Amino acid sequence: MSESILSTAIPQLPSGDIRITAAFFADGLGFEIAAVYAEQRFLIVRRGGAEVHFWQTDTAEDARHYGAASSCYIRVRGIDLLHAEFLRRGVQCRQAPLTQPWGMREMQVDDPYGNAIRFGEDPG
């Protein structure tokens, strides 16, 4: 092989308690819990082709501090249906689906530690 190939980028976000984060992503956002490494304080969640990793900070305050500057972006199809699902599950969206000036239809959910989870659909 003459060159390296990058395949997938996976965000790793802070969590003050991986059990709370796991419950939010499973019950609120419909993700599956792919792995919990309690001793290493690490969590992996998946839904469809999306995967997000979480590392547990020493305190919830640390997680909120880091989370205030952390985000990930997940491309979706059917963003309005996803928004309706989140509402049925009792999740409050920071931003409901909105078509942005650059053409993407986007919404945002903040997890319990302030990580911005943005969802975007290309309506084209």
Foldseek 3Di string as FASTA:
>chain_A
DPDDDDDDDEEEAEAQAVVLQQCCCCLQQNWAWPDADPVQQKTWTDDDPHIYIYHHDPHLVVRLVRQQVAEDEAEDPPQQVSQVSNVVSVFDWPARFDQDPVQWTKTWGAGPSNHTYMYTYRPD
